């Protein structure tokens, strides 16, 4: 009995000794992401280096490379991790409400300090294929997959045509947002988002298709 008790005690000690490793790892991971965002906002894409991120986060370069293969992947993950929770699509029972609420959140991010980071990513991505590919893979496509699910719910509820081109629809909704954000010819406002949703989604309304056939 004593031997069994000692064995259990040793196992318990082993678990207690191993436990601090995971929080330290998570803290380092978070520190690297935060440092990346700060440096990217301050200096832009071209000036950011793995060495500077590691130094600011208080870790070695090897620790950074343990999780990210290159600077592009690190930057894309840092931005995605800071915005993912805010950009989830709701499920209100109305495809128009779901889309407009998510798009309103997106323009809030674009209008905040995070907007400078988006500009740095999109600007740097024009000359760095790895960066724009990482942005698509780690930020754009996860949001896109959520958007597909939102549109499918709208189709099932009869709010959208069954044959609607979802990619064209999403490009028509989000393209104007990126245009205003990058070219700055007009403001990004909640009213703009609402009017954009009404205009684009009206074109996918099943009732509209039937009306045109009668004409």
Protein backbone atom coordinates (compact mmCIF):
# COMPACT_ATOMS: atom_id res chain seq x y z
CA UNK A 1 0.00 0.00 0.00
CA UNK A 2 2.83 2.37 0.87
CA UNK A 3 4.53 1.65 -2.45
CA UNK A 4 1.34 2.42 -4.34
CA UNK A 5 0.91 5.65 -2.37
CA UNK A 6 4.47 6.66 -3.17
CA UNK A 7 3.93 5.87 -6.85
CA UNK A 8 0.80 8.01 -6.92
CA UNK A 9 2.65 10.82 -5.15
CA UNK A 10 5.46 10.69 -7.71
CA UNK A 11 2.97 10.79 -10.57
CA UNK A 12 1.28 13.75 -8.93
CA UNK A 13 4.61 15.53 -8.53
CA UNK A 14 5.41 14.86 -12.19
CA UNK A 15 2.13 16.40 -13.27
CA UNK A 16 2.71 19.41 -11.04
CA UNK A 17 6.22 19.87 -12.41
CA UNK A 18 5.10 19.65 -16.06
CA UNK A 19 2.16 22.03 -15.68
CA UNK A 20 4.15 25.32 -15.81
CA UNK A 21 5.54 24.43 -19.26
CA UNK A 22 2.29 24.96 -21.10
CA UNK A 23 1.42 28.39 -19.66
CA UNK A 24 4.96 29.60 -20.42
CA UNK A 25 4.58 28.37 -23.99
CA UNK A 26 1.20 30.08 -24.37
CA UNK A 27 2.58 33.28 -22.88
CA UNK A 28 5.48 33.26 -25.33
CA UNK A 29 3.09 32.60 -28.23
CA UNK A 30 0.87 35.53 -27.20
CA UNK A 31 3.85 37.81 -26.60
CA UNK A 32 5.16 37.11 -30.11
CA UNK A 33 1.80 37.92 -31.71
CA UNK A 34 1.43 41.14 -29.70
CA UNK A 35 4.97 42.21 -30.52
CA UNK A 36 4.40 41.54 -34.21
CA UNK A 37 1.32 43.77 -34.29
CA UNK A 38 3.05 46.59 -32.43
CA UNK A 39 6.14 46.53 -34.64
CA UNK A 40 4.08 46.22 -37.80
CA UNK A 41 1.96 49.21 -36.81
CA UNK A 42 5.05 51.27 -35.96
CA UNK A 43 7.44 50.36 -38.75
CA UNK A 44 5.47 48.68 -41.53
CA UNK A 45 6.11 45.39 -43.28
CA UNK A 46 9.52 46.00 -44.82
CA UNK A 47 11.17 47.01 -41.53
CA UNK A 48 9.76 44.17 -39.47
CA UNK A 49 12.14 41.24 -38.85
CA UNK A 50 11.92 38.00 -36.93
CA UNK A 51 14.87 39.21 -34.85
CA UNK A 52 13.07 42.40 -33.81
CA UNK A 53 9.90 40.49 -32.93
CA UNK A 54 11.83 37.95 -30.87
CA UNK A 55 13.72 40.70 -29.02
CA UNK A 56 10.54 42.61 -28.19
CA UNK A 57 8.74 39.45 -27.07
CA UNK A 58 11.70 38.37 -24.94
CA UNK A 59 12.22 35.04 -26.73
CA UNK A 60 14.81 33.53 -29.05
CA UNK A 61 14.45 33.39 -32.83
CA UNK A 62 14.14 29.61 -32.62
CA UNK A 63 11.01 30.03 -30.52
CA UNK A 64 9.39 32.15 -33.23
CA UNK A 65 10.34 29.71 -35.99
CA UNK A 66 8.90 26.86 -33.93
CA UNK A 67 5.41 28.15 -34.74
CA UNK A 68 5.82 30.17 -37.95
CA UNK A 69 7.89 29.26 -41.03
CA UNK A 70 8.46 32.86 -42.11
CA UNK A 71 7.63 36.52 -41.48
CA UNK A 72 4.61 36.45 -43.76
CA UNK A 73 2.89 33.64 -41.86
CA UNK A 74 3.65 35.34 -38.54
CA UNK A 75 2.16 38.67 -39.65
CA UNK A 76 -0.97 37.07 -41.09
CA UNK A 77 -1.52 35.01 -37.93
CA UNK A 78 -0.94 38.01 -35.68
CA UNK A 79 -3.60 40.04 -37.47
CA UNK A 80 -6.05 37.14 -37.74
CA UNK A 81 -5.72 36.25 -34.05
CA UNK A 82 -6.45 39.85 -33.04
CA UNK A 83 -9.65 40.10 -35.10
CA UNK A 84 -11.18 36.62 -35.43
CA UNK A 85 -13.45 36.86 -32.39
CA UNK A 86 -14.88 40.20 -33.56
CA UNK A 87 -15.52 39.01 -37.11
CA UNK A 88 -17.65 35.92 -36.50
CA UNK A 89 -20.90 35.90 -38.46
CA UNK A 90 -24.03 35.99 -36.29
CA UNK A 91 -27.08 33.83 -36.94
CA UNK A 92 -30.04 36.15 -36.43
CA UNK A 93 -32.43 34.41 -38.82
CA UNK A 94 -31.93 37.09 -41.50
CA UNK A 95 -29.14 36.86 -44.05
CA UNK A 96 -29.18 40.62 -44.56
CA UNK A 97 -28.81 41.29 -40.84
CA UNK A 98 -26.09 38.65 -40.49
CA UNK A 99 -24.05 40.09 -43.33
CA UNK A 100 -24.50 43.73 -42.39
CA UNK A 101 -23.54 43.13 -38.73
CA UNK A 102 -20.36 41.31 -39.72
CA UNK A 103 -19.48 43.94 -42.32
CA UNK A 104 -20.02 46.69 -39.75
CA UNK A 105 -17.50 44.96 -37.50
CA UNK A 106 -15.04 44.79 -40.39
CA UNK A 107 -15.20 48.52 -41.08
CA UNK A 108 -14.72 49.18 -37.35
CA UNK A 109 -11.45 47.27 -37.54
CA UNK A 110 -10.44 49.04 -40.73
CA UNK A 111 -11.15 52.40 -39.07
CA UNK A 112 -9.17 51.54 -35.92
CA UNK A 113 -5.42 51.23 -35.37
CA UNK A 114 -5.69 47.77 -36.88
CA UNK A 115 -6.40 49.50 -40.18
CA UNK A 116 -2.75 50.52 -40.44
CA UNK A 117 -1.79 46.88 -40.13
CA UNK A 118 -4.19 45.87 -42.90
CA UNK A 119 -2.68 48.59 -45.09
CA UNK A 120 0.82 47.30 -44.34
CA UNK A 121 -0.18 43.73 -45.18
CA UNK A 122 -1.97 44.60 -48.41
CA UNK A 123 0.77 47.02 -49.46
CA UNK A 124 3.59 44.60 -48.67
CA UNK A 125 1.66 41.79 -50.31
CA UNK A 126 1.92 43.46 -53.70
CA UNK A 127 5.65 42.70 -53.81
CA UNK A 128 5.75 39.71 -51.46
CA UNK A 129 3.73 36.73 -52.68
CA UNK A 130 4.22 34.84 -49.43
CA UNK A 131 2.60 37.66 -47.45
CA UNK A 132 -0.54 38.00 -49.58
CA UNK A 133 -0.85 34.19 -49.76
CA UNK A 134 -0.59 33.95 -45.97
CA UNK A 135 -3.18 36.72 -45.59
CA UNK A 136 -5.58 34.82 -47.85
CA UNK A 137 -4.98 31.48 -46.14
CA UNK A 138 -4.97 32.59 -42.51
CA UNK A 139 -7.41 35.53 -42.52
CA UNK A 140 -9.51 35.75 -45.69
CA UNK A 141 -10.47 32.10 -46.27
CA UNK A 142 -11.60 31.31 -42.70
CA UNK A 143 -13.93 34.35 -42.89
CA UNK A 144 -15.01 33.30 -46.38
CA UNK A 145 -15.99 29.82 -45.19
CA UNK A 146 -18.12 31.36 -42.45
CA UNK A 147 -19.72 33.63 -45.04
CA UNK A 148 -20.59 30.63 -47.24
CA UNK A 149 -22.39 29.05 -44.27
CA UNK A 150 -24.31 32.29 -43.69
CA UNK A 151 -25.39 32.47 -47.33
CA UNK A 152 -26.41 28.80 -47.34
CA UNK A 153 -28.70 29.48 -44.38
CA UNK A 154 -30.21 32.33 -46.39
CA UNK A 155 -30.79 29.99 -49.33
CA UNK A 156 -32.47 27.40 -47.10
CA UNK A 157 -34.76 30.09 -45.67
CA UNK A 158 -35.70 31.21 -49.18
CA UNK A 159 -34.05 34.62 -48.84
CA UNK A 160 -31.56 33.96 -51.65
CA UNK A 161 -31.82 32.14 -54.98
CA UNK A 162 -30.66 28.55 -54.95
CA UNK A 163 -28.44 29.14 -57.97
CA UNK A 164 -26.77 32.27 -56.58
CA UNK A 165 -23.03 32.58 -57.28
CA UNK A 166 -21.78 32.90 -53.70
CA UNK A 167 -18.27 33.99 -54.67
CA UNK A 168 -19.58 36.75 -56.92
CA UNK A 169 -22.03 37.80 -54.23
CA UNK A 170 -19.31 38.03 -51.55
CA UNK A 171 -16.94 39.89 -53.86
CA UNK A 172 -19.74 42.35 -54.62
CA UNK A 173 -20.35 42.89 -50.89
CA UNK A 174 -16.76 43.18 -49.67
CA UNK A 175 -15.06 44.62 -52.75
CA UNK A 176 -16.50 48.12 -52.22
CA UNK A 177 -15.32 48.06 -48.59
CA UNK A 178 -11.75 47.33 -49.59
CA UNK A 179 -11.98 49.94 -52.35
CA UNK A 180 -13.05 52.69 -49.96
CA UNK A 181 -10.48 51.54 -47.41
CA UNK A 182 -7.56 51.59 -49.85
CA UNK A 183 -8.46 54.48 -52.16
CA UNK A 184 -10.23 56.58 -49.50
CA UNK A 185 -12.47 58.33 -52.00
CA UNK A 186 -15.34 58.13 -49.51
CA UNK A 187 -15.99 57.14 -45.92
CA UNK A 188 -16.67 53.69 -44.50
CA UNK A 189 -19.82 54.10 -42.42
CA UNK A 190 -22.52 51.79 -41.04
CA UNK A 191 -25.01 53.48 -43.37
CA UNK A 192 -22.80 52.65 -46.34
CA UNK A 193 -22.70 48.99 -45.25
CA UNK A 194 -26.48 48.82 -44.85
CA UNK A 195 -27.13 50.36 -48.26
CA UNK A 196 -24.53 48.09 -49.86
CA UNK A 197 -26.15 44.97 -48.36
CA UNK A 198 -29.59 46.07 -49.50
CA UNK A 199 -28.40 46.73 -53.04
CA UNK A 200 -26.34 43.55 -53.52
CA UNK A 201 -28.61 41.08 -51.71
CA UNK A 202 -31.67 42.42 -53.52
CA UNK A 203 -30.12 41.12 -56.74
CA UNK A 204 -30.11 37.61 -55.27
CA UNK A 205 -33.69 37.73 -54.01
CA UNK A 206 -35.79 34.84 -55.48
CA UNK A 207 -38.80 37.15 -55.77
CA UNK A 208 -36.81 39.52 -57.99
CA UNK A 209 -35.94 36.67 -60.36
CA UNK A 210 -39.59 35.66 -60.72
CA UNK A 211 -40.61 39.28 -61.34
CA UNK A 212 -38.10 39.64 -64.19
CA UNK A 213 -39.38 36.44 -65.83
CA UNK A 214 -42.93 37.81 -65.89
CA UNK A 215 -41.71 40.99 -67.58
